[in-house]
Amino acid sequence: MNQPLPAPTAAPPIEDPRLNPRRKAVYAMGDFTVNTVLVSLNIVYVFYFLTEVAGLRPELAGAVQFLGRMVDAFTDPAMGRLSDRCRWKWGRRRPFFLIAAIPFGVSYALLWVTPSDSQAAMFAYYTLWYVLLSVSMTVLSVPYLALQPEMATGYDARTSLNTYRNVGSLFGTFAAVVTFRPVANAFGGGSEGYAWAGVAYGAVIVLPWIAVYAATWERRDFQRRRVELSFREGVRVLLRHATFRKLTGLYICGRISMDVIGAMLIVYFTHVIGRTADFEFTMGLFILAVTISLPIWLRIAPRFEKSTLFIVGSVWWASSFGLILAAEPDWPRWILLSIAPLGGIGYAVVDLMPWSMLGEVVDEDDVATGERREGIYNGFFMFLRKVGGTVAVLLLGVVLGTMGLEPGVPQSETTRQTIRVLTSIVPAFFLALGIWIAWGYPLTRRAHARILSQLEARERAG
């Protein structure tokens, strides 16, 4: 593992004065909306709303997400390529925030409607709106994420911007996990309550994109540079990029861990611990722990390599899974409530670092190709992440259905043990795999300083 480093010998780049805390906070609102949607779909929607409220079979519920995300995943690289090549006078990324915001909110609201009692009709309805929601989210999120290395050019500045973005995502997690079900219950609960909650949250996720559009900017020198590589050749270069492959591997492993435990946690609380009412409170403690730990990780970050922090966070988070595996319903409540915030400290940096590291990979590609291709890199990053997470959640649904999970009835001991393993050992395995991939990550602080020097020299030479 890399050791703490002294300050790099190369001077850090001068950051754009517009990159101030206020604009970072507004930028983070975009991730608030996206994470509100992603987390509510992963934690509340698939294996709770669809099965417990709408009455869809677990296998079909997992298939809804699988089909929706697979269609969505294949649009990510295309959206990245499109935003790389756009040369509108308003910018190549930001106009998409205004184009896709309303479809994003409308399709999300319609996902929480229960159309009929027919399994086939519900499956078709939910798959259709899941696909439309996913495509509109792609149109927003790929250009949004591609702005990060453009707004922040330095190694540590990117960590700072991503920390703000992660705080925004935590507020989205809070809105999805801690408040969504209570809001649905306030509207009367059941299918009608969830439908009205979907309308309310659909409106909430549209409005921030206007502010994000106003607070962000694009660099004119990047706008002037054309992307000449064909899509096929660009993908070939990207897939041959060894650092990108390594970064993608560790990122996917971390995200699969998040997707698995995110989908399973409410099932675990309901059928293993038997305390569904504690779920929102526990997640609130988790979010609080992540929020408090992020500034600490940010303060530590300049002294370590980003890959080192990813490894430390993975080990820390994985340690909490042992408690999940061993926990029993008769344990003291305070112990059960402490498991999630303990893991949240490590989760914070596992979630933070890969996106902070992607900007350096884009800079390395710029040295090799002479093109700024943030869009396609972010698009493929999201594509591979969604394929991995979607397949994992689909398999969860198949396993749960095969092992006899039935909504609204006591579960067999075999089913409960299956839920316990899926919530602990499976995500821990993927974290261990991510640690192995991250070991010896080559794009260090010093390596990035050399890359920036090459880019600056090329810019001066004209």
Protein backbone atom coordinates (compact mmCIF):
# COMPACT_ATOMS: atom_id res chain seq x y z
CA MET A 1 0.00 0.00 0.00
CA ASN A 2 1.26 3.50 -0.77
CA GLN A 3 2.63 5.46 2.19
CA PRO A 4 1.79 9.08 3.16
CA LEU A 5 3.48 11.51 0.80
CA PRO A 6 5.04 14.92 1.25
CA ALA A 7 3.72 17.74 -0.86
CA PRO A 8 4.40 17.14 -4.58
CA THR A 9 7.30 19.01 -6.09
CA ALA A 10 5.18 20.35 -8.96
CA ALA A 11 3.04 23.37 -8.13
CA PRO A 12 -0.69 22.59 -8.08
CA PRO A 13 -2.75 24.19 -10.86
CA ILE A 14 -4.47 27.49 -10.19
CA GLU A 15 -8.14 26.67 -9.78
CA ASP A 16 -10.94 28.68 -11.33
CA PRO A 17 -12.04 31.33 -8.77
CA ARG A 18 -15.65 30.37 -9.47
CA LEU A 19 -15.00 27.02 -7.77
CA ASN A 20 -16.09 28.34 -4.39
CA PRO A 21 -18.06 26.60 -1.62
CA ARG A 22 -21.38 28.13 -2.68
CA ARG A 23 -21.12 26.87 -6.26
CA LYS A 24 -19.89 23.47 -5.07
CA ALA A 25 -22.94 23.21 -2.83
CA VAL A 26 -25.31 24.11 -5.68
CA TYR A 27 -23.55 21.65 -7.98
CA ALA A 28 -24.11 18.96 -5.33
CA MET A 29 -27.89 19.43 -5.67
CA GLY A 30 -27.71 17.49 -8.94
CA ASP A 31 -26.44 14.46 -7.09
CA PHE A 32 -29.14 15.00 -4.47
CA THR A 33 -31.82 14.40 -7.11
CA VAL A 34 -30.07 11.46 -8.77
CA ASN A 35 -29.34 9.73 -5.49
CA THR A 36 -32.87 10.30 -4.23
CA VAL A 37 -34.03 8.34 -7.26
CA LEU A 38 -31.36 5.65 -7.27
CA VAL A 39 -31.52 4.90 -3.56
CA SER A 40 -35.31 4.89 -3.37
CA LEU A 41 -35.44 2.53 -6.34
CA ASN A 42 -32.76 0.25 -4.93
CA ILE A 43 -33.80 0.20 -1.26
CA VAL A 44 -37.53 0.99 -1.13
CA TYR A 45 -38.84 0.24 -4.62
CA VAL A 46 -37.60 -3.10 -5.90
CA PHE A 47 -37.92 -5.47 -2.96
CA TYR A 48 -40.37 -3.49 -0.82
CA PHE A 49 -42.82 -1.41 -2.89
CA LEU A 50 -43.06 -3.80 -5.84
CA THR A 51 -43.36 -6.93 -3.70
CA GLU A 52 -44.99 -5.80 -0.44
CA VAL A 53 -47.25 -2.99 -1.73
CA ALA A 54 -47.90 -3.68 -5.41
CA GLY A 55 -47.73 -7.47 -5.00
CA LEU A 56 -45.26 -8.27 -7.79
CA ARG A 57 -43.29 -11.50 -7.54
CA PRO A 58 -39.66 -11.06 -6.34
CA GLU A 59 -38.31 -12.55 -9.60
CA LEU A 60 -40.34 -10.08 -11.67
CA ALA A 61 -39.38 -7.18 -9.38
CA GLY A 62 -35.69 -7.94 -9.94
CA ALA A 63 -36.33 -8.29 -13.68
CA VAL A 64 -37.96 -4.83 -13.83
CA GLN A 65 -34.77 -3.27 -12.55
CA PHE A 66 -32.59 -5.50 -14.70
CA LEU A 67 -34.34 -4.59 -17.96
CA GLY A 68 -34.62 -0.91 -17.08
CA ARG A 69 -31.01 -0.55 -16.10
CA MET A 70 -29.66 -2.61 -18.98
CA VAL A 71 -31.38 -0.34 -21.50
CA ASP A 72 -30.16 2.63 -19.50
CA ALA A 73 -26.62 1.28 -19.29
CA PHE A 74 -26.23 1.06 -23.05
CA THR A 75 -27.33 4.69 -23.43
CA ASP A 76 -24.58 5.95 -21.08
CA PRO A 77 -21.63 5.73 -23.53
CA ALA A 78 -23.78 7.17 -26.33
CA MET A 79 -24.77 10.09 -24.11
CA GLY A 80 -21.15 10.65 -23.15
CA ARG A 81 -20.12 10.68 -26.79
CA LEU A 82 -22.95 13.06 -27.67
CA SER A 83 -21.99 15.55 -24.97
CA ASP A 84 -18.30 15.35 -25.98
CA ARG A 85 -19.19 16.31 -29.55
CA CYS A 86 -21.86 18.95 -28.84
CA ARG A 87 -20.85 22.49 -29.75
CA TRP A 88 -23.94 24.47 -28.78
CA LYS A 89 -23.35 28.10 -27.88
CA TRP A 90 -24.82 27.34 -24.42
CA GLY A 91 -22.23 24.60 -23.84
CA ARG A 92 -21.75 20.91 -24.56
CA ARG A 93 -22.95 19.60 -21.14
CA ARG A 94 -25.19 22.07 -19.31
CA PRO A 95 -28.12 22.39 -21.79
CA PHE A 96 -29.03 18.77 -21.12
CA PHE A 97 -29.94 19.72 -17.54
CA LEU A 98 -32.88 21.72 -18.84
CA ILE A 99 -33.83 19.24 -21.55
CA ALA A 100 -34.23 16.17 -19.34
CA ALA A 101 -35.34 17.54 -15.95
CA ILE A 102 -39.13 17.35 -16.51
CA PRO A 103 -39.15 13.85 -18.10
CA PHE A 104 -36.99 12.77 -15.15
CA GLY A 105 -39.57 13.90 -12.59
CA VAL A 106 -42.66 12.70 -14.47
CA SER A 107 -41.37 9.18 -15.12
CA TYR A 108 -40.26 8.84 -11.49
CA ALA A 109 -43.72 9.81 -10.23
CA LEU A 110 -45.44 7.28 -12.48
CA LEU A 111 -43.27 4.43 -11.19
CA TRP A 112 -45.10 4.52 -7.84
CA VAL A 113 -48.57 3.97 -9.32
CA THR A 114 -50.14 0.50 -8.98
CA PRO A 115 -51.92 -0.02 -12.32
CA SER A 116 -53.67 -3.39 -11.80
CA ASP A 117 -53.58 -6.75 -10.04
CA SER A 118 -52.23 -8.60 -13.09
CA GLN A 119 -48.61 -9.72 -12.77
CA ALA A 120 -48.04 -9.35 -16.52
CA ALA A 121 -49.64 -5.90 -16.72
CA MET A 122 -47.70 -4.62 -13.71
CA PHE A 123 -44.45 -6.02 -15.04
CA ALA A 124 -44.95 -4.31 -18.43
CA TYR A 125 -46.01 -1.01 -16.84
CA TYR A 126 -43.16 -0.80 -14.35
CA THR A 127 -40.55 -1.86 -16.91
CA LEU A 128 -41.69 0.81 -19.37
CA TRP A 129 -41.51 3.66 -16.87
CA TYR A 130 -38.28 2.35 -15.35
CA VAL A 131 -36.68 2.46 -18.82
CA LEU A 132 -37.94 5.99 -19.50
CA LEU A 133 -36.78 7.20 -16.10
CA SER A 134 -33.37 5.62 -16.60
CA VAL A 135 -32.85 7.21 -20.02
CA SER A 136 -33.82 10.67 -18.76
CA MET A 137 -31.50 10.21 -15.79
CA THR A 138 -28.68 9.31 -18.18
CA VAL A 139 -29.27 12.49 -20.19
CA LEU A 140 -28.85 14.44 -16.94
CA SER A 141 -26.18 12.56 -15.06
CA VAL A 142 -23.55 11.79 -17.71
CA PRO A 143 -23.02 15.46 -18.71
CA TYR A 144 -23.32 16.43 -15.03
CA LEU A 145 -20.51 14.11 -13.97
CA ALA A 146 -18.42 15.00 -17.03
CA LEU A 147 -18.30 18.60 -15.76
CA GLN A 148 -16.28 17.63 -12.68
CA PRO A 149 -12.77 17.37 -14.20
CA GLU A 150 -13.56 20.48 -16.25
CA MET A 151 -14.57 22.64 -13.28
CA ALA A 152 -11.82 21.28 -10.97
CA THR A 153 -8.45 20.48 -12.55
CA GLY A 154 -6.25 19.70 -9.53
CA TYR A 155 -5.74 16.36 -7.76
CA ASP A 156 -7.08 17.58 -4.41
CA ALA A 157 -9.57 20.09 -5.86
CA ARG A 158 -11.39 17.16 -7.46
CA THR A 159 -11.53 15.39 -4.12
CA SER A 160 -13.05 18.53 -2.60
CA LEU A 161 -15.67 18.93 -5.34
CA ASN A 162 -16.58 15.26 -5.09
CA THR A 163 -16.90 15.58 -1.32
CA TYR A 164 -19.52 18.28 -1.79
CA ARG A 165 -21.23 16.09 -4.38
CA ASN A 166 -21.22 13.16 -1.96
CA VAL A 167 -22.81 15.30 0.73
CA GLY A 168 -25.54 16.10 -1.80
CA SER A 169 -25.95 12.40 -2.48
CA LEU A 170 -26.29 11.77 1.27
CA PHE A 171 -29.15 14.23 1.47
CA GLY A 172 -30.68 12.30 -1.42
CA THR A 173 -30.19 9.06 0.49
CA PHE A 174 -31.88 10.65 3.50
CA ALA A 175 -34.83 11.77 1.38
CA ALA A 176 -35.17 8.32 -0.15
CA VAL A 177 -34.66 6.09 2.86
CA VAL A 178 -35.58 8.06 5.97
CA THR A 179 -38.49 10.15 4.68
CA PHE A 180 -40.05 8.40 1.65
CA ARG A 181 -42.02 5.72 3.48
CA PRO A 182 -43.19 8.12 6.22
CA VAL A 183 -44.36 10.55 3.51
CA ALA A 184 -46.21 7.72 1.77
CA ASN A 185 -47.81 6.78 5.08
CA ALA A 186 -48.76 10.41 5.67
CA PHE A 187 -50.68 10.26 2.38
CA GLY A 188 -52.60 7.26 3.69
CA GLY A 189 -50.18 4.42 3.00
CA GLY A 190 -50.80 1.54 0.64
CA SER A 191 -50.80 1.95 -3.11
CA GLU A 192 -52.52 5.36 -2.99
CA GLY A 193 -50.08 6.76 -0.43
CA TYR A 194 -47.07 5.67 -2.46
CA ALA A 195 -48.59 7.12 -5.64
CA TRP A 196 -48.97 10.56 -4.00
CA ALA A 197 -45.48 10.34 -2.49
CA GLY A 198 -44.16 9.65 -5.99
CA VAL A 199 -45.83 12.82 -7.27
CA ALA A 200 -44.35 14.90 -4.43
CA TYR A 201 -40.85 13.54 -4.90
CA GLY A 202 -41.12 13.82 -8.67
CA ALA A 203 -41.61 17.58 -8.29
CA VAL A 204 -38.73 17.85 -5.81
CA ILE A 205 -36.19 16.25 -8.16
CA VAL A 206 -36.98 18.56 -11.10
CA LEU A 207 -36.40 22.01 -9.58
CA PRO A 208 -32.71 21.76 -8.50
CA TRP A 209 -31.54 21.31 -12.10
CA ILE A 210 -32.36 24.93 -12.88
CA ALA A 211 -30.00 26.03 -10.10
CA VAL A 212 -27.32 23.56 -11.20
CA TYR A 213 -27.49 24.94 -14.73
CA ALA A 214 -27.05 28.50 -13.41
CA ALA A 215 -24.16 27.70 -11.04
CA THR A 216 -21.97 25.58 -13.33
CA TRP A 217 -19.72 26.53 -16.22
CA GLU A 218 -17.66 25.05 -19.04
CA ARG A 219 -14.14 25.89 -20.17
CA ARG A 220 -13.91 27.59 -23.53
CA ASP A 221 -10.59 25.94 -24.36
CA PHE A 222 -12.20 22.51 -23.92
CA GLN A 223 -15.20 23.62 -26.00
CA ARG A 224 -12.93 24.65 -28.89
CA ARG A 225 -11.17 21.28 -29.09
CA ARG A 226 -12.88 18.85 -31.44
CA VAL A 227 -13.25 15.14 -30.79
CA GLU A 228 -11.89 13.59 -33.98
CA LEU A 229 -11.71 9.92 -33.05
CA SER A 230 -14.62 7.86 -34.33
CA PHE A 231 -16.86 6.30 -31.70
CA ARG A 232 -15.47 2.83 -32.40
CA GLU A 233 -11.85 3.96 -32.29
CA GLY A 234 -12.54 6.05 -29.18
CA VAL A 235 -14.01 3.03 -27.40
CA ARG A 236 -11.04 0.93 -28.48
CA VAL A 237 -8.62 3.47 -27.02
CA LEU A 238 -10.67 3.67 -23.83
CA LEU A 239 -10.78 -0.10 -23.33
CA ARG A 240 -7.02 -0.34 -23.93
CA HIS A 241 -6.45 2.29 -21.23
CA ALA A 242 -4.95 0.17 -18.44
CA THR A 243 -5.49 2.73 -15.66
CA PHE A 244 -9.14 3.14 -16.63
CA ARG A 245 -9.66 -0.62 -16.54
CA LYS A 246 -8.14 -0.81 -13.06
CA LEU A 247 -10.17 2.13 -11.78
CA THR A 248 -13.35 0.70 -13.26
CA GLY A 249 -12.69 -2.65 -11.60
CA LEU A 250 -12.31 -1.25 -8.11
CA TYR A 251 -15.26 1.09 -8.63
CA ILE A 252 -17.59 -1.68 -9.82
CA CYS A 253 -16.67 -3.86 -6.86
CA GLY A 254 -17.48 -1.05 -4.44
CA ARG A 255 -20.75 -0.23 -6.20
CA ILE A 256 -21.89 -3.85 -6.33
CA SER A 257 -21.35 -4.02 -2.56
CA MET A 258 -23.49 -0.88 -2.20
CA ASP A 259 -26.22 -2.18 -4.52
CA VAL A 260 -26.40 -5.56 -2.81
CA ILE A 261 -26.63 -4.27 0.74
CA GLY A 262 -28.90 -1.44 -0.38
CA ALA A 263 -31.39 -3.87 -1.88
CA MET A 264 -31.14 -6.36 0.99
CA LEU A 265 -31.08 -4.17 4.10
CA ILE A 266 -34.82 -3.55 4.39
CA VAL A 267 -35.43 -7.26 3.71
CA TYR A 268 -32.91 -8.06 6.45
CA PHE A 269 -34.60 -5.76 8.95
CA THR A 270 -38.04 -7.14 8.07
CA HIS A 271 -37.40 -10.88 7.99
CA VAL A 272 -34.20 -11.52 10.00
CA ILE A 273 -34.17 -8.90 12.75
CA GLY A 274 -37.94 -8.44 12.76
CA ARG A 275 -37.73 -4.69 13.35
CA THR A 276 -38.87 -3.00 10.14
CA ALA A 277 -39.75 0.11 12.12
CA ASP A 278 -36.05 0.58 13.00
CA PHE A 279 -34.99 0.68 9.35
CA GLU A 280 -35.43 4.43 8.75
CA PHE A 281 -33.82 5.35 12.08
CA THR A 282 -30.86 3.08 11.41
CA MET A 283 -30.37 4.58 7.95
CA GLY A 284 -30.57 8.05 9.48
CA LEU A 285 -27.70 7.12 11.80
CA PHE A 286 -25.79 5.71 8.82
CA ILE A 287 -26.22 8.93 6.85
CA LEU A 288 -25.19 11.00 9.86
CA ALA A 289 -22.00 8.93 10.27
CA VAL A 290 -21.12 9.29 6.58
CA THR A 291 -21.78 13.05 6.66
CA ILE A 292 -19.60 13.57 9.73
CA SER A 293 -16.78 11.41 8.39
CA LEU A 294 -16.57 13.01 4.92
CA PRO A 295 -14.87 16.24 6.12
CA ILE A 296 -12.44 14.11 8.12
CA TRP A 297 -11.56 12.03 5.06
CA LEU A 298 -11.22 15.26 3.05
CA ARG A 299 -8.79 16.64 5.61
CA ILE A 300 -6.75 13.43 5.55
CA ALA A 301 -6.80 13.07 1.74
CA PRO A 302 -3.90 15.45 0.86
CA ARG A 303 -1.49 13.26 2.84
CA PHE A 304 -2.34 9.98 1.08
CA GLU A 305 -2.92 8.56 -2.35
CA LYS A 306 -6.57 8.18 -3.30
CA SER A 307 -6.20 4.44 -3.84
CA THR A 308 -4.80 4.07 -0.32
CA LEU A 309 -7.85 5.75 1.16
CA PHE A 310 -10.11 3.51 -0.94
CA ILE A 311 -8.41 0.43 0.52
CA VAL A 312 -8.61 1.71 4.10
CA GLY A 313 -12.29 2.57 3.69
CA SER A 314 -13.06 -0.84 2.17
CA VAL A 315 -11.43 -2.66 5.08
CA TRP A 316 -13.28 -0.48 7.59
CA TRP A 317 -16.67 -0.96 5.92
CA ALA A 318 -16.20 -4.71 5.43
CA SER A 319 -15.57 -5.13 9.16
CA SER A 320 -19.19 -4.15 9.87
CA PHE A 321 -20.52 -7.04 7.78
CA GLY A 322 -19.35 -9.53 10.39
CA LEU A 323 -21.82 -7.97 12.83
CA ILE A 324 -24.61 -8.16 10.24
CA LEU A 325 -23.88 -11.85 9.76
CA ALA A 326 -23.88 -12.58 13.49
CA ALA A 327 -26.70 -10.28 14.68
CA GLU A 328 -29.77 -11.84 16.32
CA PRO A 329 -33.20 -10.28 17.00
CA ASP A 330 -32.66 -10.48 20.77
CA TRP A 331 -29.44 -8.44 20.73
CA PRO A 332 -29.65 -5.12 22.60
CA ARG A 333 -31.15 -2.49 20.35
CA TRP A 334 -28.20 -0.12 20.75
CA ILE A 335 -25.81 -2.73 19.31
CA LEU A 336 -28.03 -3.33 16.28
CA LEU A 337 -28.36 0.41 15.72
CA SER A 338 -24.57 0.91 15.90
CA ILE A 339 -23.72 -1.46 13.05
CA ALA A 340 -24.78 0.86 10.21
CA PRO A 341 -22.95 4.03 11.40
CA LEU A 342 -19.82 1.97 12.06
CA GLY A 343 -19.85 0.81 8.44
CA GLY A 344 -20.79 4.28 7.21
CA ILE A 345 -17.37 5.67 8.13
CA GLY A 346 -15.71 3.33 5.64
CA TYR A 347 -18.52 3.56 3.10
CA ALA A 348 -17.96 7.33 2.86
CA VAL A 349 -14.52 7.04 1.31
CA VAL A 350 -15.32 3.95 -0.80
CA ASP A 351 -18.07 5.99 -2.44
CA LEU A 352 -15.97 9.18 -2.69
CA MET A 353 -12.64 8.17 -4.15
CA PRO A 354 -13.35 6.47 -7.51
CA TRP A 355 -15.18 9.50 -8.94
CA SER A 356 -12.40 11.74 -7.66
CA MET A 357 -9.87 9.49 -9.43
CA LEU A 358 -11.64 9.50 -12.81
CA GLY A 359 -10.54 13.06 -13.65
CA GLU A 360 -6.88 12.04 -13.58
CA VAL A 361 -7.65 9.17 -15.96
CA VAL A 362 -9.26 11.64 -18.38
CA ASP A 363 -6.14 13.83 -18.18
CA GLU A 364 -3.95 10.81 -18.94
CA ASP A 365 -6.13 10.09 -21.97
CA ASP A 366 -5.75 13.73 -23.07
CA VAL A 367 -1.97 13.30 -23.14
CA ALA A 368 -2.34 10.17 -25.29
CA THR A 369 -5.05 11.37 -27.71
CA GLY A 370 -5.02 15.18 -27.60
CA GLU A 371 -8.81 15.19 -26.99
CA ARG A 372 -11.02 16.02 -24.00
CA ARG A 373 -13.35 13.03 -23.65
CA GLU A 374 -14.84 13.38 -20.18
CA GLY A 375 -18.26 12.42 -21.52
CA ILE A 376 -17.41 9.02 -22.95
CA TYR A 377 -15.25 8.12 -19.94
CA ASN A 378 -18.05 8.99 -17.53
CA GLY A 379 -20.55 7.24 -19.81
CA PHE A 380 -18.59 3.98 -19.84
CA PHE A 381 -17.88 4.29 -16.13
CA MET A 382 -21.62 4.43 -15.49
CA PHE A 383 -22.37 1.75 -18.09
CA LEU A 384 -20.06 -0.81 -16.52
CA ARG A 385 -21.20 0.12 -13.02
CA LYS A 386 -24.87 -0.28 -13.94
CA VAL A 387 -24.36 -3.62 -15.68
CA GLY A 388 -22.51 -4.98 -12.65
CA GLY A 389 -25.02 -3.69 -10.10
CA THR A 390 -28.05 -4.63 -12.19
CA VAL A 391 -26.93 -8.21 -12.70
CA ALA A 392 -26.21 -8.46 -8.97
CA VAL A 393 -29.71 -7.23 -8.01
CA LEU A 394 -31.34 -9.49 -10.61
CA LEU A 395 -29.53 -12.48 -9.12
CA LEU A 396 -30.66 -11.40 -5.65
CA GLY A 397 -34.27 -11.53 -6.83
CA VAL A 398 -33.78 -14.96 -8.37
CA VAL A 399 -32.10 -16.32 -5.23
CA LEU A 400 -34.76 -14.86 -2.92
CA GLY A 401 -37.56 -16.26 -5.06
CA THR A 402 -35.89 -19.66 -5.30
CA MET A 403 -35.34 -19.79 -1.52
CA GLY A 404 -39.02 -19.14 -0.89
CA LEU A 405 -39.30 -15.46 0.06
CA GLU A 406 -43.00 -14.65 0.31
CA PRO A 407 -44.23 -11.14 1.18
CA GLY A 408 -46.36 -10.67 4.29
CA VAL A 409 -45.78 -14.12 5.83
CA PRO A 410 -43.18 -15.59 8.27
CA GLN A 411 -40.12 -16.88 6.43
CA SER A 412 -38.47 -20.28 6.81
CA GLU A 413 -35.14 -20.60 8.60
CA THR A 414 -33.46 -21.35 5.27
CA THR A 415 -34.83 -18.15 3.75
CA ARG A 416 -33.71 -16.09 6.76
CA GLN A 417 -30.19 -17.51 6.60
CA THR A 418 -30.07 -16.79 2.87
CA ILE A 419 -31.03 -13.17 3.53
CA ARG A 420 -28.34 -12.96 6.22
CA VAL A 421 -25.62 -14.22 3.86
CA LEU A 422 -26.73 -11.99 0.97
CA THR A 423 -26.62 -8.93 3.25
CA SER A 424 -23.15 -9.61 4.67
CA ILE A 425 -20.85 -12.13 3.00
CA VAL A 426 -21.66 -11.20 -0.61
CA PRO A 427 -20.90 -7.45 -0.30
CA ALA A 428 -17.82 -8.21 1.82
CA PHE A 429 -16.50 -10.47 -0.95
CA PHE A 430 -16.77 -7.68 -3.53
CA LEU A 431 -15.04 -5.21 -1.22
CA ALA A 432 -12.17 -7.67 -0.83
CA LEU A 433 -11.94 -7.97 -4.62
CA GLY A 434 -11.87 -4.17 -4.92
CA ILE A 435 -9.00 -3.99 -2.44
CA TRP A 436 -7.01 -6.46 -4.51
CA ILE A 437 -7.59 -4.42 -7.68
CA ALA A 438 -6.72 -1.11 -6.00
CA TRP A 439 -3.39 -2.34 -4.63
CA GLY A 440 -0.56 -0.68 -6.55
CA TYR A 441 -2.82 1.74 -8.47
CA PRO A 442 -0.41 3.57 -10.82
CA LEU A 443 -1.93 7.05 -11.24
CA THR A 444 -0.52 8.67 -8.11
CA ARG A 445 -0.32 12.32 -7.09
CA ARG A 446 3.20 12.64 -8.56
CA ALA A 447 2.17 10.90 -11.78
CA HIS A 448 -0.74 13.31 -12.19
CA ALA A 449 1.53 16.30 -11.57
CA ARG A 450 3.70 15.12 -14.49
CA ILE A 451 0.60 14.74 -16.67
CA LEU A 452 -0.51 18.30 -15.90
CA SER A 453 2.98 19.56 -16.76
CA GLN A 454 2.76 17.82 -20.16
CA LEU A 455 -0.69 19.28 -20.84
CA GLU A 456 0.44 22.79 -19.89
CA ALA A 457 3.55 22.50 -22.08
CA ARG A 458 1.44 21.39 -25.03
CA GLU A 459 -0.99 24.27 -24.46
CA ARG A 460 1.87 26.81 -24.42
CA ALA A 461 3.29 25.34 -27.61
CA GLY A 462 -0.04 25.99 -29.33
